[in-house]
Amino acid sequence: MESTLFKNTSRGRTSGILKGPITMVYAVGGIAIILLDKYLMPRIKTNKIIKLIISFIIYSVVLGLIEYICGYLCNILFGIDMWNYKSQKYHIGKYTCLEYIPIWGLIAIIITNILKPYINKIIKIIPREFTYFISFIFALDFLITILTK
C-alpha cells in the first residue's frame, strides 16, 4: 500500500526499484515473515510471553538485515539508494538504523499474531487464476525493470 500511495502521489519518484508499485524490500520481508512463522516459530517451545519476546527479537534482527541487504543490493546492482538513514542518530551504515529495527519486529508480530487469521481467510477466497495473473504481472514488472535499468 505504501508503495502504491507513494508512486501515485509523488510524480517522478519511486518507492522501489521496480517500474510498478511493488517495493522489493517489502516483498522479501513478507516472504521472510511467512517462512519464519511457518518453519522456525513453531519450534520455539516455551510459554506464550517468552515466545512472543523471542519472536520479536528474531523478526527484528532478520527484517533489519533484509532492509540492510536490500538497500546495499539496490546500490550495487542499480546504482541508487532507495533510502538513506545517515541522518538518524543510530544508523547502521546508510541502509538501516536501530530506530526502525524494532518497528519491523512489531509489524511482524502484529501480522503473525493478529492479522494472520484474517489474511488466511482472504487468501482462501482468492481464485488460483488471479494469483497466477498477479504473479505474472510481478514477473513482467521485474523483467521490464531489469531490461530498462
N, C-alpha and C. Protein backbone atom coordinates (compact mmCIF):
# COMPACT_ATOMS: atom_id res chain seq x y z
N MET A 1 0.82 -1.19 0.00
CA MET A 1 0.00 0.00 0.00
C MET A 1 0.86 1.26 0.00
N GLU A 2 1.90 1.25 0.84
CA GLU A 2 2.78 2.43 0.91
C GLU A 2 3.38 2.72 -0.45
N SER A 3 3.81 1.69 -1.14
CA SER A 3 4.45 1.87 -2.44
C SER A 3 3.49 2.43 -3.47
N THR A 4 2.27 1.91 -3.50
CA THR A 4 1.26 2.39 -4.44
C THR A 4 0.90 3.83 -4.15
N LEU A 5 0.68 4.15 -2.88
CA LEU A 5 0.37 5.53 -2.49
C LEU A 5 1.51 6.46 -2.86
N PHE A 6 2.74 6.07 -2.55
CA PHE A 6 3.91 6.90 -2.83
C PHE A 6 4.05 7.14 -4.33
N LYS A 7 3.89 6.07 -5.10
CA LYS A 7 4.06 6.19 -6.56
C LYS A 7 2.97 7.07 -7.17
N ASN A 8 1.76 6.99 -6.63
CA ASN A 8 0.65 7.76 -7.19
C ASN A 8 0.61 9.21 -6.70
N THR A 9 1.28 9.53 -5.60
CA THR A 9 1.24 10.90 -5.09
C THR A 9 2.54 11.65 -5.29
N SER A 10 3.61 10.96 -5.65
CA SER A 10 4.92 11.59 -5.82
C SER A 10 5.37 11.40 -7.26
N ARG A 11 4.94 12.27 -8.12
CA ARG A 11 5.28 12.15 -9.55
C ARG A 11 6.79 12.22 -9.76
N GLY A 12 7.29 11.31 -10.58
CA GLY A 12 8.70 11.32 -10.92
C GLY A 12 9.59 10.63 -9.90
N ARG A 13 9.00 10.16 -8.79
CA ARG A 13 9.79 9.47 -7.77
C ARG A 13 9.22 8.07 -7.60
N THR A 14 10.08 7.16 -7.19
CA THR A 14 9.61 5.81 -6.95
C THR A 14 9.92 5.41 -5.52
N SER A 15 9.22 4.40 -5.06
CA SER A 15 9.44 3.88 -3.73
C SER A 15 10.22 2.58 -3.79
N GLY A 16 10.54 2.13 -4.97
CA GLY A 16 11.27 0.89 -5.12
C GLY A 16 11.99 0.88 -6.45
N ILE A 17 12.69 -0.20 -6.71
CA ILE A 17 13.45 -0.28 -7.95
C ILE A 17 12.59 -0.70 -9.13
N LEU A 18 11.45 -1.31 -8.87
CA LEU A 18 10.61 -1.80 -9.95
C LEU A 18 9.82 -0.67 -10.58
N LYS A 19 9.40 -0.87 -11.83
CA LYS A 19 8.58 0.12 -12.53
C LYS A 19 7.19 0.23 -11.90
N GLY A 20 6.67 -0.90 -11.47
CA GLY A 20 5.33 -0.93 -10.87
C GLY A 20 5.35 -0.54 -9.40
N PRO A 21 4.19 -0.68 -8.74
CA PRO A 21 4.05 -0.19 -7.37
C PRO A 21 4.48 -1.18 -6.29
N ILE A 22 5.44 -2.03 -6.57
CA ILE A 22 5.89 -3.01 -5.59
C ILE A 22 7.29 -2.64 -5.13
N THR A 23 7.49 -2.66 -3.82
CA THR A 23 8.82 -2.41 -3.26
C THR A 23 9.42 -3.76 -2.87
N MET A 24 10.55 -4.08 -3.47
CA MET A 24 11.17 -5.40 -3.27
C MET A 24 11.47 -5.70 -1.80
N VAL A 25 11.91 -4.69 -1.05
CA VAL A 25 12.26 -4.95 0.35
C VAL A 25 11.04 -5.44 1.13
N TYR A 26 9.86 -4.92 0.81
CA TYR A 26 8.65 -5.38 1.49
C TYR A 26 8.29 -6.79 1.05
N ALA A 27 8.48 -7.09 -0.23
CA ALA A 27 8.21 -8.44 -0.72
C ALA A 27 9.13 -9.46 -0.05
N VAL A 28 10.41 -9.15 0.00
CA VAL A 28 11.38 -10.06 0.64
C VAL A 28 11.08 -10.18 2.13
N GLY A 29 10.77 -9.06 2.77
CA GLY A 29 10.42 -9.08 4.19
C GLY A 29 9.17 -9.89 4.45
N GLY A 30 8.17 -9.74 3.59
CA GLY A 30 6.94 -10.52 3.75
C GLY A 30 7.19 -12.01 3.61
N ILE A 31 8.00 -12.38 2.63
CA ILE A 31 8.35 -13.79 2.46
C ILE A 31 9.11 -14.30 3.68
N ALA A 32 10.01 -13.50 4.22
CA ALA A 32 10.76 -13.90 5.41
C ALA A 32 9.82 -14.11 6.60
N ILE A 33 8.86 -13.22 6.77
CA ILE A 33 7.90 -13.37 7.87
C ILE A 33 7.12 -14.68 7.72
N ILE A 34 6.66 -14.96 6.50
CA ILE A 34 5.90 -16.19 6.25
C ILE A 34 6.76 -17.42 6.56
N LEU A 35 7.99 -17.43 6.07
CA LEU A 35 8.87 -18.60 6.28
C LEU A 35 9.24 -18.77 7.75
N LEU A 36 9.58 -17.68 8.42
CA LEU A 36 9.90 -17.77 9.84
C LEU A 36 8.71 -18.26 10.65
N ASP A 37 7.53 -17.73 10.34
CA ASP A 37 6.33 -18.12 11.07
C ASP A 37 5.98 -19.59 10.84
N LYS A 38 6.23 -20.07 9.65
CA LYS A 38 5.87 -21.45 9.33
C LYS A 38 6.90 -22.47 9.82
N TYR A 39 8.19 -22.14 9.69
CA TYR A 39 9.21 -23.15 9.96
C TYR A 39 10.00 -22.96 11.25
N LEU A 40 10.21 -21.73 11.70
CA LEU A 40 11.04 -21.52 12.88
C LEU A 40 10.20 -21.31 14.15
N MET A 41 9.20 -20.47 14.09
CA MET A 41 8.45 -20.13 15.30
C MET A 41 7.77 -21.32 15.96
N PRO A 42 7.24 -22.30 15.20
CA PRO A 42 6.63 -23.45 15.87
C PRO A 42 7.63 -24.29 16.67
N ARG A 43 8.91 -24.16 16.39
CA ARG A 43 9.94 -24.92 17.11
C ARG A 43 10.29 -24.31 18.47
N ILE A 44 9.85 -23.08 18.70
CA ILE A 44 10.12 -22.42 19.97
C ILE A 44 9.10 -22.92 20.98
N LYS A 45 9.57 -23.74 21.90
CA LYS A 45 8.68 -24.37 22.89
C LYS A 45 8.92 -23.71 24.25
N THR A 46 8.08 -22.77 24.57
CA THR A 46 8.15 -22.09 25.86
C THR A 46 6.80 -21.43 26.10
N ASN A 47 6.67 -20.69 27.20
CA ASN A 47 5.38 -20.06 27.44
C ASN A 47 5.14 -18.94 26.43
N LYS A 48 3.89 -18.51 26.34
CA LYS A 48 3.48 -17.59 25.28
C LYS A 48 4.21 -16.25 25.33
N ILE A 49 4.43 -15.70 26.50
CA ILE A 49 5.10 -14.39 26.63
C ILE A 49 6.56 -14.48 26.19
N ILE A 50 7.26 -15.50 26.65
CA ILE A 50 8.67 -15.67 26.26
C ILE A 50 8.77 -15.91 24.75
N LYS A 51 7.85 -16.71 24.21
CA LYS A 51 7.84 -16.97 22.77
C LYS A 51 7.61 -15.67 21.99
N LEU A 52 6.73 -14.84 22.49
CA LEU A 52 6.46 -13.55 21.85
C LEU A 52 7.70 -12.67 21.86
N ILE A 53 8.42 -12.64 22.97
CA ILE A 53 9.65 -11.83 23.07
C ILE A 53 10.73 -12.38 22.13
N ILE A 54 10.90 -13.70 22.14
CA ILE A 54 11.89 -14.32 21.25
C ILE A 54 11.52 -14.07 19.79
N SER A 55 10.24 -14.20 19.46
CA SER A 55 9.78 -13.96 18.09
C SER A 55 10.05 -12.52 17.68
N PHE A 56 9.76 -11.58 18.57
CA PHE A 56 10.01 -10.16 18.30
C PHE A 56 11.48 -9.92 17.99
N ILE A 57 12.36 -10.50 18.78
CA ILE A 57 13.81 -10.32 18.57
C ILE A 57 14.23 -10.92 17.23
N ILE A 58 13.77 -12.14 16.94
CA ILE A 58 14.14 -12.80 15.69
C ILE A 58 13.63 -12.00 14.49
N TYR A 59 12.36 -11.60 14.53
CA TYR A 59 11.80 -10.81 13.43
C TYR A 59 12.55 -9.50 13.26
N SER A 60 12.85 -8.84 14.35
CA SER A 60 13.55 -7.55 14.28
C SER A 60 14.91 -7.70 13.62
N VAL A 61 15.67 -8.69 14.07
CA VAL A 61 17.02 -8.89 13.53
C VAL A 61 16.96 -9.29 12.05
N VAL A 62 16.11 -10.26 11.72
CA VAL A 62 16.03 -10.75 10.33
C VAL A 62 15.55 -9.63 9.40
N LEU A 63 14.51 -8.91 9.79
CA LEU A 63 13.98 -7.85 8.92
C LEU A 63 14.94 -6.66 8.83
N GLY A 64 15.67 -6.38 9.91
CA GLY A 64 16.71 -5.34 9.85
C GLY A 64 17.82 -5.72 8.89
N LEU A 65 18.21 -7.00 8.91
CA LEU A 65 19.23 -7.49 7.97
C LEU A 65 18.72 -7.44 6.53
N ILE A 66 17.47 -7.80 6.33
CA ILE A 66 16.89 -7.75 4.98
C ILE A 66 16.87 -6.31 4.48
N GLU A 67 16.49 -5.37 5.34
CA GLU A 67 16.48 -3.96 4.93
C GLU A 67 17.88 -3.51 4.53
N TYR A 68 18.88 -3.90 5.31
CA TYR A 68 20.26 -3.52 5.01
C TYR A 68 20.72 -4.16 3.69
N ILE A 69 20.50 -5.46 3.55
CA ILE A 69 20.95 -6.18 2.36
C ILE A 69 20.25 -5.66 1.11
N CYS A 70 18.93 -5.44 1.18
CA CYS A 70 18.20 -4.93 0.00
C CYS A 70 18.68 -3.53 -0.36
N GLY A 71 18.91 -2.67 0.63
CA GLY A 71 19.43 -1.34 0.34
C GLY A 71 20.80 -1.40 -0.31
N TYR A 72 21.65 -2.25 0.22
CA TYR A 72 23.00 -2.42 -0.33
C TYR A 72 22.94 -2.95 -1.77
N LEU A 73 22.11 -3.97 -2.00
CA LEU A 73 22.00 -4.56 -3.33
C LEU A 73 21.42 -3.57 -4.35
N CYS A 74 20.45 -2.75 -3.92
CA CYS A 74 19.92 -1.71 -4.82
C CYS A 74 21.05 -0.78 -5.27
N ASN A 75 21.93 -0.46 -4.34
CA ASN A 75 23.04 0.42 -4.67
C ASN A 75 24.03 -0.27 -5.60
N ILE A 76 24.37 -1.50 -5.29
CA ILE A 76 25.36 -2.25 -6.09
C ILE A 76 24.80 -2.57 -7.49
N LEU A 77 23.58 -3.08 -7.55
CA LEU A 77 23.03 -3.54 -8.82
C LEU A 77 22.47 -2.43 -9.70
N PHE A 78 21.88 -1.39 -9.07
CA PHE A 78 21.20 -0.38 -9.85
C PHE A 78 21.78 1.03 -9.68
N GLY A 79 22.76 1.16 -8.78
CA GLY A 79 23.41 2.44 -8.57
C GLY A 79 22.53 3.50 -7.91
N ILE A 80 21.53 3.06 -7.16
CA ILE A 80 20.65 4.02 -6.49
C ILE A 80 20.51 3.67 -5.01
N ASP A 81 20.29 4.68 -4.21
CA ASP A 81 19.99 4.49 -2.79
C ASP A 81 18.50 4.75 -2.61
N MET A 82 17.74 3.69 -2.36
CA MET A 82 16.29 3.85 -2.20
C MET A 82 15.97 4.52 -0.87
N TRP A 83 16.83 4.37 0.11
CA TRP A 83 16.67 5.04 1.40
C TRP A 83 18.04 5.25 1.99
N ASN A 84 18.14 6.21 2.88
CA ASN A 84 19.42 6.55 3.48
C ASN A 84 19.16 7.03 4.91
N TYR A 85 19.65 6.25 5.86
CA TYR A 85 19.42 6.56 7.27
C TYR A 85 20.58 7.30 7.92
N LYS A 86 21.48 7.84 7.14
CA LYS A 86 22.65 8.53 7.70
C LYS A 86 22.26 9.66 8.65
N SER A 87 21.10 10.27 8.44
CA SER A 87 20.68 11.38 9.30
C SER A 87 20.10 10.90 10.64
N GLN A 88 19.84 9.60 10.76
CA GLN A 88 19.30 9.05 12.01
C GLN A 88 20.43 8.88 13.02
N LYS A 89 20.10 9.06 14.27
CA LYS A 89 21.11 9.01 15.32
C LYS A 89 21.81 7.65 15.41
N TYR A 90 21.04 6.57 15.31
CA TYR A 90 21.61 5.24 15.49
C TYR A 90 21.62 4.44 14.19
N HIS A 91 22.07 5.09 13.11
CA HIS A 91 22.10 4.40 11.82
C HIS A 91 23.21 3.35 11.80
N ILE A 92 22.97 2.33 11.00
CA ILE A 92 23.98 1.29 10.75
C ILE A 92 24.27 1.39 9.26
N GLY A 93 25.26 2.17 8.92
CA GLY A 93 25.51 2.47 7.52
C GLY A 93 24.37 3.34 7.00
N LYS A 94 24.12 3.23 5.70
CA LYS A 94 23.04 4.01 5.10
C LYS A 94 21.71 3.27 5.10
N TYR A 95 21.75 1.97 5.23
CA TYR A 95 20.59 1.18 4.86
C TYR A 95 19.72 0.66 5.99
N THR A 96 20.08 0.87 7.21
CA THR A 96 19.20 0.51 8.33
C THR A 96 19.61 1.31 9.55
N CYS A 97 18.72 1.36 10.53
CA CYS A 97 19.03 2.08 11.76
C CYS A 97 18.29 1.41 12.92
N LEU A 98 18.86 1.58 14.10
CA LEU A 98 18.28 0.94 15.28
C LEU A 98 16.90 1.48 15.63
N GLU A 99 16.58 2.68 15.20
CA GLU A 99 15.26 3.24 15.48
C GLU A 99 14.15 2.46 14.76
N TYR A 100 14.43 1.91 13.57
CA TYR A 100 13.40 1.23 12.79
C TYR A 100 13.38 -0.28 12.98
N ILE A 101 14.47 -0.86 13.39
CA ILE A 101 14.53 -2.32 13.53
C ILE A 101 13.43 -2.84 14.46
N PRO A 102 13.19 -2.24 15.63
CA PRO A 102 12.09 -2.74 16.47
C PRO A 102 10.71 -2.56 15.82
N ILE A 103 10.56 -1.56 14.99
CA ILE A 103 9.27 -1.35 14.31
C ILE A 103 8.99 -2.51 13.37
N TRP A 104 10.02 -2.97 12.64
CA TRP A 104 9.83 -4.12 11.75
C TRP A 104 9.44 -5.36 12.56
N GLY A 105 10.07 -5.54 13.71
CA GLY A 105 9.72 -6.67 14.58
C GLY A 105 8.29 -6.58 15.07
N LEU A 106 7.87 -5.39 15.47
CA LEU A 106 6.49 -5.18 15.94
C LEU A 106 5.49 -5.43 14.81
N ILE A 107 5.78 -4.95 13.63
CA ILE A 107 4.89 -5.19 12.48
C ILE A 107 4.75 -6.69 12.22
N ALA A 108 5.87 -7.42 12.28
CA ALA A 108 5.82 -8.87 12.06
C ALA A 108 5.00 -9.57 13.14
N ILE A 109 5.12 -9.14 14.39
CA ILE A 109 4.34 -9.71 15.49
C ILE A 109 2.85 -9.44 15.25
N ILE A 110 2.51 -8.23 14.84
CA ILE A 110 1.11 -7.89 14.57
C ILE A 110 0.57 -8.73 13.41
N ILE A 111 1.37 -8.88 12.36
CA ILE A 111 0.93 -9.67 11.20
C ILE A 111 0.71 -11.13 11.60
N THR A 112 1.68 -11.73 12.29
CA THR A 112 1.61 -13.17 12.57
C THR A 112 0.66 -13.52 13.71
N ASN A 113 0.45 -12.61 14.65
CA ASN A 113 -0.36 -12.94 15.81
C ASN A 113 -1.76 -12.34 15.80
N ILE A 114 -1.99 -11.30 15.00
CA ILE A 114 -3.30 -10.67 14.99
C ILE A 114 -3.95 -10.76 13.60
N LEU A 115 -3.22 -10.38 12.56
CA LEU A 115 -3.79 -10.29 11.21
C LEU A 115 -3.83 -11.61 10.46
N LYS A 116 -2.95 -12.53 10.80
CA LYS A 116 -2.81 -13.78 10.03
C LYS A 116 -4.13 -14.55 9.86
N PRO A 117 -4.96 -14.73 10.88
CA PRO A 117 -6.22 -15.45 10.65
C PRO A 117 -7.11 -14.78 9.60
N TYR A 118 -7.16 -13.46 9.61
CA TYR A 118 -7.97 -12.73 8.64
C TYR A 118 -7.35 -12.80 7.24
N ILE A 119 -6.02 -12.68 7.19
CA ILE A 119 -5.32 -12.78 5.90
C ILE A 119 -5.53 -14.16 5.30
N ASN A 120 -5.46 -15.21 6.12
CA ASN A 120 -5.67 -16.58 5.63
C ASN A 120 -7.07 -16.77 5.06
N LYS A 121 -8.08 -16.17 5.70
CA LYS A 121 -9.46 -16.26 5.18
C LYS A 121 -9.57 -15.59 3.83
N ILE A 122 -8.93 -14.44 3.68
CA ILE A 122 -8.96 -13.72 2.40
C ILE A 122 -8.24 -14.52 1.32
N ILE A 123 -7.08 -15.07 1.67
CA ILE A 123 -6.31 -15.85 0.70
C ILE A 123 -7.10 -17.04 0.19
N LYS A 124 -7.87 -17.68 1.07
CA LYS A 124 -8.64 -18.86 0.67
C LYS A 124 -9.72 -18.56 -0.36
N ILE A 125 -10.21 -17.31 -0.40
CA ILE A 125 -11.27 -16.99 -1.36
C ILE A 125 -10.74 -16.41 -2.67
N ILE A 126 -9.42 -16.17 -2.74
CA ILE A 126 -8.84 -15.63 -3.97
C ILE A 126 -8.68 -16.78 -4.97
N PRO A 127 -9.24 -16.64 -6.15
CA PRO A 127 -9.11 -17.70 -7.16
C PRO A 127 -7.64 -17.91 -7.55
N ARG A 128 -7.31 -19.16 -7.78
CA ARG A 128 -5.95 -19.53 -8.16
C ARG A 128 -5.50 -18.80 -9.42
N GLU A 129 -6.40 -18.61 -10.36
CA GLU A 129 -6.06 -17.92 -11.61
C GLU A 129 -5.63 -16.48 -11.35
N PHE A 130 -6.29 -15.82 -10.39
CA PHE A 130 -5.93 -14.45 -10.05
C PHE A 130 -4.51 -14.41 -9.47
N THR A 131 -4.19 -15.40 -8.66
CA THR A 131 -2.83 -15.49 -8.10
C THR A 131 -1.81 -15.64 -9.22
N TYR A 132 -2.11 -16.48 -10.21
CA TYR A 132 -1.22 -16.64 -11.35
C TYR A 132 -1.07 -15.33 -12.12
N PHE A 133 -2.17 -14.63 -12.31
CA PHE A 133 -2.16 -13.36 -13.03
C PHE A 133 -1.28 -12.33 -12.30
N ILE A 134 -1.46 -12.20 -11.01
CA ILE A 134 -0.66 -11.24 -10.23
C ILE A 134 0.81 -11.65 -10.26
N SER A 135 1.10 -12.94 -10.16
CA SER A 135 2.49 -13.41 -10.23
C SER A 135 3.10 -13.08 -11.58
N PHE A 136 2.32 -13.24 -12.65
CA PHE A 136 2.78 -12.91 -13.99
C PHE A 136 3.08 -11.41 -14.10
N ILE A 137 2.19 -10.57 -13.58
CA ILE A 137 2.40 -9.12 -13.62
C ILE A 137 3.66 -8.74 -12.86
N PHE A 138 3.86 -9.34 -11.69
CA PHE A 138 5.06 -9.08 -10.91
C PHE A 138 6.31 -9.50 -11.68
N ALA A 139 6.29 -10.69 -12.27
CA ALA A 139 7.44 -11.17 -13.04
C ALA A 139 7.71 -10.26 -14.24
N LEU A 140 6.65 -9.83 -14.91
CA LEU A 140 6.79 -8.91 -16.03
C LEU A 140 7.38 -7.57 -15.58
N ASP A 141 6.92 -7.06 -14.45
CA ASP A 141 7.45 -5.82 -13.89
C ASP A 141 8.95 -5.98 -13.59
N PHE A 142 9.30 -7.10 -13.00
CA PHE A 142 10.70 -7.37 -12.68
C PHE A 142 11.54 -7.44 -13.95
N LEU A 143 11.04 -8.13 -14.97
CA LEU A 143 11.75 -8.26 -16.24
C LEU A 143 11.93 -6.90 -16.92
N ILE A 144 10.87 -6.11 -16.97
CA ILE A 144 10.95 -4.77 -17.58
C ILE A 144 11.96 -3.91 -16.83
N THR A 145 11.96 -3.99 -15.52
CA THR A 145 12.90 -3.22 -14.72
C THR A 145 14.33 -3.61 -15.04
N ILE A 146 14.59 -4.90 -15.07
CA ILE A 146 15.95 -5.40 -15.35
C ILE A 146 16.39 -4.95 -16.76
N LEU A 147 15.51 -5.06 -17.73
CA LEU A 147 15.87 -4.73 -19.11
C LEU A 147 16.02 -3.22 -19.35
N THR A 148 15.42 -2.39 -18.54
CA THR A 148 15.46 -0.95 -18.77
C THR A 148 16.37 -0.19 -17.82
N LYS A 149 16.99 -0.85 -16.88
CA LYS A 149 17.88 -0.15 -15.93
C LYS A 149 19.30 -0.19 -16.43
